[in-house]
N, C-alpha and C. Protein backbone atom coordinates (compact mmCIF):
# COMPACT_ATOMS: atom_id res chain seq x y z
N MET A 1 0.81 -1.22 0.02
CA MET A 1 0.04 0.14 0.14
C MET A 1 0.91 1.17 -0.07
N ALA A 2 0.56 2.33 -0.85
CA ALA A 2 1.28 3.50 -0.86
C ALA A 2 1.24 4.46 0.23
N LYS A 3 2.29 5.11 0.61
CA LYS A 3 2.16 6.17 1.48
C LYS A 3 1.73 7.25 0.90
N TYR A 4 0.77 8.20 1.40
CA TYR A 4 0.32 9.43 0.84
C TYR A 4 0.97 10.60 1.69
N PHE A 5 1.43 11.59 1.11
CA PHE A 5 2.21 12.60 1.49
C PHE A 5 1.23 14.02 0.98
N ASP A 6 0.47 14.78 1.71
CA ASP A 6 -0.38 15.69 1.72
C ASP A 6 0.76 17.13 1.87
N VAL A 7 1.53 17.64 0.89
CA VAL A 7 2.22 18.51 0.97
C VAL A 7 2.07 19.95 0.67
N HIS A 8 2.27 20.91 1.31
CA HIS A 8 1.95 22.29 0.84
C HIS A 8 2.44 22.61 -0.21
N PRO A 9 1.85 23.11 -1.20
CA PRO A 9 2.27 23.30 -2.48
C PRO A 9 3.63 24.76 -2.70
N GLU A 10 3.44 25.69 -1.52
CA GLU A 10 4.22 26.95 -1.77
C GLU A 10 5.27 26.57 -0.62
N ASN A 11 4.99 25.82 0.71
CA ASN A 11 5.89 25.88 1.46
C ASN A 11 6.08 24.32 2.19
N PRO A 12 6.48 23.22 1.25
CA PRO A 12 6.32 21.91 1.66
C PRO A 12 7.04 21.65 3.00
N GLN A 13 6.39 21.01 3.82
CA GLN A 13 6.75 20.55 5.03
C GLN A 13 8.15 19.70 4.99
N GLN A 14 9.20 20.18 5.46
CA GLN A 14 10.56 19.48 5.51
C GLN A 14 10.52 18.07 5.78
N ARG A 15 9.80 17.83 6.62
CA ARG A 15 9.78 16.39 7.61
C ARG A 15 9.10 15.22 6.46
N SER A 16 8.07 15.86 5.72
CA SER A 16 7.52 15.04 4.48
C SER A 16 8.38 14.85 3.50
N ILE A 17 9.28 16.04 2.94
CA ILE A 17 10.16 15.95 1.97
C ILE A 17 11.35 15.04 2.43
N SER A 18 11.80 15.10 3.59
CA SER A 18 12.95 14.27 4.08
C SER A 18 12.57 12.53 4.19
N THR A 19 11.38 12.94 4.41
CA THR A 19 10.93 10.98 4.69
C THR A 19 10.74 10.46 3.12
N VAL A 20 10.37 11.49 2.20
CA VAL A 20 10.29 11.09 0.90
C VAL A 20 11.38 10.60 0.04
N ALA A 21 12.37 11.50 0.53
CA ALA A 21 13.86 11.54 -0.19
C ALA A 21 14.29 10.38 0.56
N ASP A 22 14.17 9.63 1.72
CA ASP A 22 14.75 8.49 2.41
C ASP A 22 14.16 7.38 1.69
N SER A 23 12.91 7.40 1.57
CA SER A 23 12.30 6.26 0.97
C SER A 23 12.86 6.02 -0.54
N ILE A 24 12.87 6.94 -1.31
CA ILE A 24 13.59 6.89 -2.71
C ILE A 24 14.77 6.36 -2.49
N ARG A 25 15.78 6.81 -1.52
CA ARG A 25 17.25 5.95 -1.32
C ARG A 25 16.92 4.62 -0.78
N SER A 26 16.17 4.42 -0.54
CA SER A 26 16.00 2.91 -0.06
C SER A 26 15.25 2.17 -1.27
N GLY A 27 14.98 2.78 -2.12
CA GLY A 27 14.42 1.74 -3.43
C GLY A 27 12.83 2.09 -3.75
N ALA A 28 12.40 3.03 -3.27
CA ALA A 28 10.95 3.48 -3.52
C ALA A 28 10.67 3.94 -4.95
N LEU A 29 9.68 3.58 -5.37
CA LEU A 29 9.13 4.53 -6.67
C LEU A 29 7.93 5.24 -6.03
N ILE A 30 7.91 6.25 -6.63
CA ILE A 30 6.97 7.29 -6.23
C ILE A 30 6.30 8.07 -7.51
N ALA A 31 4.86 8.53 -6.96
CA ALA A 31 4.26 9.44 -7.73
C ALA A 31 4.21 10.80 -7.42
N TYR A 32 4.76 11.89 -8.07
CA TYR A 32 5.07 13.00 -7.54
C TYR A 32 4.61 13.99 -8.58
N PRO A 33 4.30 15.46 -8.20
CA PRO A 33 3.93 16.51 -8.99
C PRO A 33 5.27 17.10 -9.60
N THR A 34 4.60 17.88 -10.96
CA THR A 34 5.81 18.64 -11.42
C THR A 34 5.03 19.85 -11.93
N ASP A 35 5.79 20.79 -12.68
CA ASP A 35 5.14 21.81 -13.15
C ASP A 35 4.39 21.78 -14.41
N SER A 36 4.52 20.29 -15.11
CA SER A 36 3.78 19.86 -16.15
C SER A 36 2.55 18.94 -15.56
N CYS A 37 2.95 17.79 -15.29
CA CYS A 37 1.86 16.84 -14.77
C CYS A 37 2.38 15.65 -13.82
N PHE A 38 1.94 14.83 -13.28
CA PHE A 38 2.37 14.04 -12.18
C PHE A 38 3.39 13.03 -13.04
N ALA A 39 4.25 12.74 -12.37
CA ALA A 39 5.27 11.77 -12.84
C ALA A 39 5.51 10.71 -11.95
N LEU A 40 6.05 9.66 -12.44
CA LEU A 40 6.55 8.22 -11.73
C LEU A 40 8.21 8.70 -11.69
N GLY A 41 8.58 8.36 -10.06
CA GLY A 41 10.19 8.32 -10.23
C GLY A 41 10.68 7.67 -9.17
N CYS A 42 12.27 7.45 -9.54
CA CYS A 42 12.91 6.52 -8.42
C CYS A 42 14.49 6.98 -8.53
N GLN A 43 15.27 6.42 -7.71
CA GLN A 43 16.52 6.81 -8.05
C GLN A 43 17.20 6.29 -8.85
N LEU A 44 18.44 7.09 -9.61
CA LEU A 44 19.08 6.82 -10.79
C LEU A 44 19.38 5.36 -10.88
N GLY A 45 19.92 4.68 -9.83
CA GLY A 45 20.51 3.58 -10.13
C GLY A 45 19.55 2.36 -9.88
N ASN A 46 18.24 2.69 -9.61
CA ASN A 46 17.43 1.68 -9.04
C ASN A 46 16.75 0.80 -10.42
N ARG A 47 17.07 -0.31 -10.71
CA ARG A 47 16.86 -1.05 -11.96
C ARG A 47 15.31 -1.63 -11.58
N ASP A 48 15.11 -1.94 -10.40
CA ASP A 48 13.80 -2.68 -10.07
C ASP A 48 12.82 -1.48 -10.32
N GLY A 49 13.10 -0.23 -10.01
CA GLY A 49 12.31 0.94 -10.06
C GLY A 49 12.16 1.61 -11.68
N LEU A 50 12.94 1.03 -12.33
CA LEU A 50 13.13 1.42 -13.81
C LEU A 50 12.30 0.36 -14.15
N ASP A 51 12.37 -1.15 -14.25
CA ASP A 51 11.35 -1.87 -14.70
C ASP A 51 9.96 -2.01 -14.05
N ARG A 52 9.61 -1.38 -13.13
CA ARG A 52 8.19 -1.18 -12.71
C ARG A 52 7.61 0.09 -13.28
N ILE A 53 8.52 1.04 -13.58
CA ILE A 53 7.55 2.03 -14.34
C ILE A 53 7.51 1.49 -15.87
N ARG A 54 8.40 0.75 -16.22
CA ARG A 54 8.42 0.41 -17.79
C ARG A 54 6.82 -0.69 -17.82
N LYS A 55 6.63 -1.30 -16.65
CA LYS A 55 5.64 -2.28 -16.51
C LYS A 55 4.34 -1.34 -16.41
N ILE A 56 4.25 -0.55 -15.42
CA ILE A 56 3.16 0.47 -14.98
C ILE A 56 2.61 1.10 -16.46
N ARG A 57 3.58 1.55 -17.20
CA ARG A 57 3.26 2.30 -18.63
C ARG A 57 3.34 1.58 -19.88
N ASN A 58 3.87 0.43 -19.55
CA ASN A 58 3.87 -0.35 -20.71
C ASN A 58 4.97 0.05 -21.92
N LEU A 59 5.94 0.39 -21.25
CA LEU A 59 6.95 0.89 -22.28
C LEU A 59 7.95 -0.06 -22.76
N ASP A 60 8.45 0.36 -24.17
CA ASP A 60 9.48 -0.61 -24.63
C ASP A 60 11.01 -0.20 -24.42
N ASP A 61 12.06 -0.66 -24.78
CA ASP A 61 13.11 -0.25 -24.62
C ASP A 61 13.79 1.01 -25.35
N ARG A 62 13.01 1.70 -26.22
CA ARG A 62 13.54 2.89 -27.16
C ARG A 62 12.79 3.89 -26.31
N HIS A 63 12.15 3.91 -25.34
CA HIS A 63 11.22 5.04 -24.60
C HIS A 63 12.66 5.92 -23.94
N HIS A 64 12.59 6.95 -24.17
CA HIS A 64 13.60 7.84 -23.44
C HIS A 64 12.93 8.20 -21.94
N PHE A 65 13.74 7.81 -21.24
CA PHE A 65 13.45 8.43 -19.63
C PHE A 65 14.13 9.85 -19.46
N THR A 66 13.45 10.43 -18.37
CA THR A 66 14.32 11.48 -18.22
C THR A 66 14.56 11.65 -16.62
N LEU A 67 16.03 12.55 -16.86
CA LEU A 67 16.68 12.62 -15.33
C LEU A 67 16.18 14.01 -14.98
N VAL A 68 15.55 14.18 -13.99
CA VAL A 68 14.82 15.20 -13.27
C VAL A 68 15.87 16.00 -12.46
N CYS A 69 16.63 17.04 -12.99
CA CYS A 69 17.39 17.72 -12.24
C CYS A 69 17.22 18.76 -11.29
N GLU A 70 17.95 19.01 -10.34
CA GLU A 70 17.83 20.48 -9.43
C GLU A 70 18.49 21.47 -10.11
N ASN A 71 19.47 21.63 -10.92
CA ASN A 71 20.02 22.86 -11.35
C ASN A 71 21.29 22.44 -12.58
N PHE A 72 21.46 23.32 -13.10
CA PHE A 72 22.27 23.06 -14.26
C PHE A 72 23.76 22.22 -14.04
N ALA A 73 24.28 22.71 -12.69
CA ALA A 73 25.46 21.99 -12.13
C ALA A 73 25.32 20.32 -12.11
N GLN A 74 24.04 19.78 -11.57
CA GLN A 74 23.75 18.64 -11.71
C GLN A 74 23.61 18.15 -12.94
N LEU A 75 22.77 18.86 -13.54
CA LEU A 75 22.41 18.49 -15.21
C LEU A 75 23.76 18.08 -16.21
N GLY A 76 24.62 19.17 -15.79
CA GLY A 76 26.06 18.69 -16.46
C GLY A 76 26.59 17.77 -16.22
N GLN A 77 26.45 16.93 -15.25
CA GLN A 77 27.11 15.82 -14.81
C GLN A 77 27.02 14.56 -15.64
N PHE A 78 25.67 14.60 -16.30
CA PHE A 78 25.04 13.58 -16.94
C PHE A 78 24.72 13.66 -18.63
N VAL A 79 24.93 14.86 -19.15
CA VAL A 79 24.75 15.06 -20.53
C VAL A 79 25.63 15.83 -20.92
N HIS A 80 26.25 15.82 -22.14
CA HIS A 80 27.02 16.71 -22.78
C HIS A 80 26.65 17.88 -23.52
N VAL A 81 26.87 19.10 -23.16
CA VAL A 81 26.22 20.41 -23.66
C VAL A 81 27.09 21.48 -24.09
N ASP A 82 26.83 21.71 -25.43
CA ASP A 82 28.01 22.82 -26.00
C ASP A 82 27.56 24.18 -25.55
N ASN A 83 28.32 25.22 -25.81
CA ASN A 83 27.80 26.54 -25.36
C ASN A 83 26.48 27.05 -25.97
N ASP A 84 26.36 26.82 -27.14
CA ASP A 84 25.11 27.34 -28.14
C ASP A 84 23.84 26.51 -27.49
N VAL A 85 23.87 25.39 -27.40
CA VAL A 85 22.72 24.24 -26.60
C VAL A 85 22.57 24.77 -25.03
N PHE A 86 23.45 25.09 -24.54
CA PHE A 86 23.66 25.55 -23.02
C PHE A 86 22.67 26.73 -22.89
N ARG A 87 23.03 27.95 -23.87
CA ARG A 87 22.50 29.05 -23.79
C ARG A 87 20.83 28.83 -24.03
N ALA A 88 20.55 28.02 -25.18
CA ALA A 88 19.03 27.90 -25.35
C ALA A 88 18.52 27.33 -24.44
N ILE A 89 18.96 26.30 -23.53
CA ILE A 89 18.04 25.48 -22.60
C ILE A 89 18.08 26.54 -21.50
N LYS A 90 19.40 27.36 -21.10
CA LYS A 90 19.04 28.13 -20.04
C LYS A 90 17.83 29.13 -20.19
N ALA A 91 17.71 29.76 -21.24
CA ALA A 91 16.81 30.70 -21.38
C ALA A 91 15.38 30.02 -21.17
N ALA A 92 15.38 28.63 -21.40
CA ALA A 92 14.07 27.92 -21.36
C ALA A 92 13.59 27.35 -19.79
N THR A 93 14.52 27.33 -19.31
CA THR A 93 14.60 26.59 -17.82
C THR A 93 14.96 27.56 -16.51
N PRO A 94 14.41 27.19 -15.56
CA PRO A 94 13.53 26.11 -15.08
C PRO A 94 12.14 26.25 -15.79
N GLY A 95 11.52 25.02 -16.27
CA GLY A 95 10.22 25.09 -17.22
C GLY A 95 9.93 23.63 -17.39
N SER A 96 8.81 23.51 -18.07
CA SER A 96 8.30 22.41 -18.74
C SER A 96 8.66 21.88 -19.97
N TYR A 97 9.94 21.82 -19.92
CA TYR A 97 10.75 21.17 -21.11
C TYR A 97 11.61 20.13 -20.75
N THR A 98 11.81 19.09 -21.59
CA THR A 98 12.80 18.15 -21.51
C THR A 98 13.68 18.11 -22.41
N PHE A 99 14.66 17.91 -22.47
CA PHE A 99 15.86 18.02 -23.43
C PHE A 99 16.66 16.81 -23.80
N ILE A 100 16.61 16.32 -24.89
CA ILE A 100 17.25 15.08 -25.31
C ILE A 100 18.73 15.41 -25.88
N LEU A 101 19.91 14.74 -25.03
CA LEU A 101 20.88 15.12 -25.43
C LEU A 101 22.20 13.82 -25.25
N PRO A 102 23.32 14.05 -25.50
CA PRO A 102 24.30 12.85 -25.36
C PRO A 102 24.72 12.59 -24.09
N ALA A 103 24.58 11.29 -23.39
CA ALA A 103 24.61 11.32 -22.36
C ALA A 103 25.91 10.85 -22.01
N THR A 104 26.54 11.40 -20.93
CA THR A 104 27.76 11.24 -20.20
C THR A 104 28.09 9.72 -19.61
N LYS A 105 29.14 9.31 -19.27
CA LYS A 105 29.26 7.69 -18.72
C LYS A 105 28.73 7.69 -17.18
N GLU A 106 28.22 8.76 -16.76
CA GLU A 106 27.45 8.90 -15.57
C GLU A 106 26.14 8.16 -15.86
N VAL A 107 25.49 7.97 -16.86
CA VAL A 107 24.27 7.57 -16.95
C VAL A 107 24.29 6.30 -17.08
N PRO A 108 23.61 5.33 -16.44
CA PRO A 108 23.46 3.73 -16.39
C PRO A 108 22.90 3.53 -17.86
N ARG A 109 23.63 2.37 -18.45
CA ARG A 109 23.38 2.28 -19.82
C ARG A 109 22.00 1.71 -19.94
N GLN A 110 21.28 1.28 -19.34
CA GLN A 110 19.86 0.65 -19.26
C GLN A 110 19.01 2.02 -19.64
N LEU A 111 19.40 3.22 -19.16
CA LEU A 111 18.53 4.16 -19.54
C LEU A 111 18.71 5.06 -21.03
N LEU A 112 19.87 4.67 -21.58
CA LEU A 112 20.15 5.29 -22.71
C LEU A 112 19.24 4.90 -23.95
N HIS A 113 19.26 5.59 -25.04
CA HIS A 113 18.42 5.02 -26.30
C HIS A 113 19.34 4.06 -26.85
N PRO A 114 18.99 3.13 -27.39
CA PRO A 114 19.75 1.91 -27.51
C PRO A 114 20.76 2.14 -28.71
N LYS A 115 20.42 3.06 -29.52
CA LYS A 115 21.33 3.50 -30.73
C LYS A 115 22.03 4.70 -30.61
N LYS A 116 21.12 5.73 -30.25
CA LYS A 116 21.78 7.05 -30.10
C LYS A 116 22.55 7.58 -28.96
N LYS A 117 22.46 6.66 -27.83
CA LYS A 117 23.16 6.75 -26.60
C LYS A 117 22.99 8.39 -26.10
N THR A 118 21.77 8.54 -26.02
CA THR A 118 20.97 9.97 -25.50
C THR A 118 20.21 9.80 -24.00
N VAL A 119 19.95 10.58 -23.53
CA VAL A 119 18.88 10.65 -22.25
C VAL A 119 18.20 11.97 -22.29
N GLY A 120 16.96 12.18 -21.80
CA GLY A 120 16.49 13.31 -21.59
C GLY A 120 16.92 13.88 -20.22
N VAL A 121 16.66 15.03 -20.10
CA VAL A 121 17.13 15.98 -18.79
C VAL A 121 16.25 17.06 -18.67
N ARG A 122 15.76 17.37 -17.37
CA ARG A 122 14.98 18.63 -17.12
C ARG A 122 15.17 19.02 -16.00
N ILE A 123 14.94 20.57 -15.96
CA ILE A 123 14.99 21.28 -14.52
C ILE A 123 13.64 21.89 -14.31
N PRO A 124 12.70 21.14 -13.52
CA PRO A 124 11.31 21.79 -13.05
C PRO A 124 11.15 22.82 -12.68
N ASP A 125 10.11 23.68 -12.69
CA ASP A 125 9.88 24.87 -12.18
C ASP A 125 8.68 24.34 -11.10
N HIS A 126 9.06 23.76 -10.10
CA HIS A 126 7.98 23.54 -9.18
C HIS A 126 8.64 23.25 -7.70
N VAL A 127 8.12 24.02 -6.92
CA VAL A 127 8.44 24.20 -5.57
C VAL A 127 8.63 22.80 -4.92
N VAL A 128 7.62 22.06 -4.83
CA VAL A 128 7.86 20.72 -4.06
C VAL A 128 8.71 19.82 -4.86
N THR A 129 8.71 19.59 -6.07
CA THR A 129 9.81 19.03 -6.89
C THR A 129 11.28 19.48 -6.60
N GLN A 130 11.49 21.05 -6.56
CA GLN A 130 12.83 21.30 -6.18
C GLN A 130 13.08 21.01 -4.92
N ALA A 131 12.33 21.04 -3.96
CA ALA A 131 12.70 20.51 -2.57
C ALA A 131 13.00 19.37 -2.33
N LEU A 132 12.17 18.59 -2.94
CA LEU A 132 12.78 17.06 -3.14
C LEU A 132 13.87 16.72 -3.71
N LEU A 133 14.29 17.49 -4.65
CA LEU A 133 15.68 17.20 -5.30
C LEU A 133 16.74 17.62 -4.65
N ALA A 134 16.74 18.72 -3.82
CA ALA A 134 17.47 19.48 -3.08
C ALA A 134 18.11 18.55 -2.12
N GLU A 135 16.67 18.08 -1.28
CA GLU A 135 16.81 16.66 -0.16
C GLU A 135 17.58 15.84 -0.77
N LEU A 136 17.37 15.08 -1.92
CA LEU A 136 17.72 14.00 -2.33
C LEU A 136 19.39 14.19 -2.86
N GLY A 137 19.68 15.40 -3.28
CA GLY A 137 20.96 15.38 -3.79
C GLY A 137 21.33 14.80 -5.01
N GLU A 138 20.59 14.59 -5.92
CA GLU A 138 20.64 13.66 -7.13
C GLU A 138 19.42 13.64 -8.00
N PRO A 139 19.63 13.63 -9.35
CA PRO A 139 18.29 13.48 -10.15
C PRO A 139 17.34 12.49 -9.80
N LEU A 140 16.13 12.81 -10.32
CA LEU A 140 15.03 11.47 -10.26
C LEU A 140 15.14 11.00 -11.45
N LEU A 141 15.31 9.50 -11.70
CA LEU A 141 14.69 8.98 -12.77
C LEU A 141 13.53 9.00 -13.00
N SER A 142 12.84 9.51 -14.14
CA SER A 142 11.39 9.65 -14.22
C SER A 142 10.88 9.91 -15.26
N SER A 143 9.37 9.57 -15.30
CA SER A 143 8.52 9.36 -16.82
C SER A 143 7.10 9.82 -16.42
N THR A 144 6.60 10.73 -17.05
CA THR A 144 5.32 11.13 -17.07
C THR A 144 4.31 9.66 -16.92
N LEU A 145 3.67 10.19 -15.65
CA LEU A 145 2.56 9.10 -15.20
C LEU A 145 1.27 9.20 -16.05
N LEU A 146 1.45 8.68 -17.27
CA LEU A 146 0.57 8.40 -18.23
C LEU A 146 0.17 6.83 -18.38
N LEU A 147 -0.91 6.26 -17.89
CA LEU A 147 -1.34 4.86 -18.12
C LEU A 147 -1.53 4.42 -19.56
N PRO A 148 -1.41 3.10 -19.82
CA PRO A 148 -1.40 2.74 -21.21
C PRO A 148 -3.12 2.92 -21.48
N ASP A 149 -3.22 2.95 -22.57
CA ASP A 149 -4.56 3.21 -23.24
C ASP A 149 -5.12 4.58 -22.65
N GLU A 150 -4.61 5.49 -22.04
CA GLU A 150 -5.11 6.74 -21.61
C GLU A 150 -4.47 8.16 -22.31
N GLU A 151 -5.46 8.87 -22.57
CA GLU A 151 -4.73 10.00 -23.42
C GLU A 151 -4.15 11.17 -22.72
N GLU A 152 -4.68 11.38 -21.35
CA GLU A 152 -3.99 12.21 -20.65
C GLU A 152 -3.25 11.59 -19.07
N PRO A 153 -2.25 12.36 -18.63
CA PRO A 153 -1.96 11.82 -17.21
C PRO A 153 -2.93 12.28 -16.19
N LEU A 154 -3.08 11.49 -15.15
CA LEU A 154 -3.69 11.72 -14.17
C LEU A 154 -3.25 12.83 -13.23
N THR A 155 -4.41 13.28 -12.78
CA THR A 155 -4.06 15.04 -12.24
C THR A 155 -4.35 15.20 -10.88
N GLN A 156 -4.91 14.00 -10.30
CA GLN A 156 -5.14 14.45 -8.76
C GLN A 156 -4.66 13.20 -7.78
N GLY A 157 -3.95 13.68 -6.89
CA GLY A 157 -3.15 12.56 -6.12
C GLY A 157 -3.91 11.80 -5.43
N TRP A 158 -5.10 12.02 -4.99
CA TRP A 158 -5.92 10.79 -4.44
C TRP A 158 -6.40 10.01 -5.28
N GLU A 159 -6.68 10.33 -6.53
CA GLU A 159 -6.89 9.14 -7.68
C GLU A 159 -5.57 8.41 -8.02
N ILE A 160 -4.33 8.88 -8.06
CA ILE A 160 -3.42 8.15 -8.21
C ILE A 160 -3.16 7.34 -7.03
N LYS A 161 -3.28 7.72 -5.87
CA LYS A 161 -3.38 6.67 -4.59
C LYS A 161 -4.44 5.59 -4.70
N GLU A 162 -5.33 5.71 -5.24
CA GLU A 162 -6.65 5.13 -5.41
C GLU A 162 -6.23 4.04 -6.40
N ARG A 163 -5.90 4.29 -7.58
CA ARG A 163 -5.37 3.48 -8.65
C ARG A 163 -4.29 2.67 -8.62
N LEU A 164 -3.17 3.30 -8.16
CA LEU A 164 -1.76 2.79 -8.35
C LEU A 164 -1.47 2.32 -6.59
N ASP A 165 -2.38 1.95 -5.86
CA ASP A 165 -1.92 1.94 -4.56
C ASP A 165 -0.89 0.77 -4.38
N HIS A 166 -1.10 -0.43 -5.25
CA HIS A 166 -0.18 -1.56 -4.90
C HIS A 166 1.10 -1.73 -5.85
N VAL A 167 0.98 -0.40 -6.69
CA VAL A 167 2.11 -0.22 -7.71
C VAL A 167 3.39 0.56 -7.48
N VAL A 168 2.82 1.65 -6.76
CA VAL A 168 3.93 2.49 -6.18
C VAL A 168 4.02 2.36 -4.93
N ASP A 169 4.95 3.14 -4.28
CA ASP A 169 5.49 2.87 -2.69
C ASP A 169 5.03 4.52 -2.11
N ALA A 170 4.87 5.32 -2.69
CA ALA A 170 4.28 6.70 -2.20
C ALA A 170 3.91 7.57 -3.29
N VAL A 171 2.75 8.31 -2.81
CA VAL A 171 2.32 9.49 -3.43
C VAL A 171 2.35 10.76 -3.06
N VAL A 172 3.03 11.76 -3.53
CA VAL A 172 3.45 13.00 -2.87
C VAL A 172 2.58 13.95 -3.80
N ASP A 173 1.51 14.71 -2.91
CA ASP A 173 0.19 15.41 -3.57
C ASP A 173 0.51 16.76 -2.98
N SER A 174 0.56 17.68 -3.85
CA SER A 174 0.53 19.21 -3.40
C SER A 174 -0.54 19.95 -4.27
N GLY A 175 -1.59 19.30 -4.66
CA GLY A 175 -2.96 19.79 -5.23
C GLY A 175 -2.76 19.32 -6.81
N ASP A 176 -3.83 19.63 -7.63
CA ASP A 176 -4.00 19.09 -8.73
C ASP A 176 -2.81 19.57 -9.82
N CYS A 177 -2.54 18.59 -10.76
CA CYS A 177 -1.56 18.96 -11.73
C CYS A 177 -2.07 18.96 -13.00
N GLY A 178 -1.62 19.64 -14.12
CA GLY A 178 -1.98 19.50 -15.63
C GLY A 178 -2.02 18.43 -16.13
N THR A 179 -2.38 18.59 -17.20
CA THR A 179 -2.60 17.31 -18.17
C THR A 179 -1.71 16.81 -19.20
N SER A 180 -0.85 18.26 -19.38
CA SER A 180 0.10 18.21 -20.53
C SER A 180 1.38 17.82 -20.03
N PRO A 181 1.92 16.89 -20.71
CA PRO A 181 3.45 16.36 -20.48
C PRO A 181 4.28 17.58 -21.09
N THR A 182 5.58 17.10 -20.77
CA THR A 182 6.72 18.73 -20.91
C THR A 182 6.55 18.49 -22.62
N THR A 183 7.20 19.56 -23.13
CA THR A 183 7.73 19.81 -24.58
C THR A 183 9.03 19.03 -24.64
N VAL A 184 8.94 18.12 -25.50
CA VAL A 184 10.44 17.57 -25.62
C VAL A 184 11.24 18.08 -26.98
N ILE A 185 12.37 18.48 -26.66
CA ILE A 185 13.11 19.12 -27.75
C ILE A 185 14.54 18.43 -27.89
N ASP A 186 14.70 17.68 -29.08
CA ASP A 186 15.92 16.95 -29.23
C ASP A 186 17.17 17.90 -29.72
N PHE A 187 18.40 17.99 -29.01
CA PHE A 187 19.44 18.53 -29.13
C PHE A 187 20.61 17.82 -29.53
N SER A 188 20.50 16.46 -29.64
CA SER A 188 21.28 15.23 -29.81
C SER A 188 22.18 15.89 -31.06
N GLY A 189 21.62 16.54 -32.28
CA GLY A 189 21.99 16.47 -33.55
C GLY A 189 22.82 17.96 -33.69
N GLY A 190 22.56 18.90 -32.48
CA GLY A 190 23.12 20.17 -32.42
C GLY A 190 22.28 21.15 -32.42
N GLU A 191 21.07 21.06 -33.26
CA GLU A 191 19.97 21.88 -33.67
C GLU A 191 18.64 21.40 -32.82
N ALA A 192 17.98 22.36 -32.62
CA ALA A 192 16.44 21.86 -31.86
C ALA A 192 15.74 21.21 -32.78
N GLU A 193 15.47 20.12 -32.23
CA GLU A 193 14.29 19.13 -33.33
C GLU A 193 13.25 19.06 -32.27
N ILE A 194 11.84 19.58 -32.51
CA ILE A 194 10.65 19.39 -31.69
C ILE A 194 10.13 18.14 -31.64
N VAL A 195 10.21 17.25 -31.01
CA VAL A 195 9.90 15.82 -30.74
C VAL A 195 8.42 15.77 -30.00
N ARG A 196 8.22 16.63 -29.34
CA ARG A 196 6.57 16.68 -28.70
C ARG A 196 6.41 17.95 -28.02
N ARG A 197 5.48 18.44 -28.65
CA ARG A 197 4.68 19.88 -27.98
C ARG A 197 3.81 19.39 -26.82
N GLY A 198 4.14 19.92 -25.80
CA GLY A 198 3.34 19.76 -24.70
C GLY A 198 3.25 21.20 -23.96
N ALA A 199 3.61 21.09 -22.61
CA ALA A 199 3.13 22.19 -21.85
C ALA A 199 3.98 23.51 -22.17
N GLY A 200 5.52 23.15 -22.26
CA GLY A 200 6.53 24.33 -22.47
C GLY A 200 5.93 25.14 -24.30
N ASP A 201 6.19 26.21 -24.07
CA ASP A 201 6.06 27.15 -25.46
C ASP A 201 6.84 26.76 -26.27
N THR A 202 6.86 26.12 -27.77
CA THR A 202 7.73 25.71 -28.55
C THR A 202 8.37 27.03 -29.64
N SER A 203 7.87 28.29 -29.35
CA SER A 203 8.27 29.21 -30.57
C SER A 203 9.64 29.36 -30.28
N ARG A 204 10.10 29.36 -29.27
CA ARG A 204 11.79 29.71 -28.89
C ARG A 204 12.45 28.96 -29.83
N PHE A 205 11.95 27.58 -30.06
CA PHE A 205 12.71 26.66 -30.70
C PHE A 205 12.55 26.19 -32.24
N GLU A 206 11.59 27.22 -32.90
CA GLU A 206 11.15 26.95 -34.20
C GLU A 206 11.88 28.37 -34.86
């Protein structure tokens, strides 16, 4: 049965944030809010958590997982970013964008695109997510909480708790989330390629 954390959206309770971070370090898979929609997340090296996300979402090996990072210093440990791409990403973050970039050796092999050796990264503009990332001290391995055969992500924490009670370990709820996943921009070829139009404005990349 999943633990349920009702967290204040602007002043998240430190005790709850610390408890969730500790559970992630211990191997938990969580559902948590972001600036776009709810997501599933676990520790970067948690292979069981990765398999559980794949099973919940019915994903194949070609799916790009996302490393949700606290800041650029953290992001730069996991992807290669040249100056031009860095400036483009910096202008759009924090925000509802996922950027696909060449991965460094710090990224576990099972997270990489099998041919391109790329990974998705993002820095969210969400108080609760940022508090959790700061407490955790490392990125969250993450994927949009979009269930198979459904067109939109779940938006309410209580509903996630109700429907995924036996497949996730914790639900972090800070109020209703949106239904649009992040906008995905592929910079792996050096130029911006819009892969998915979502919550983030694409005009700056067109």
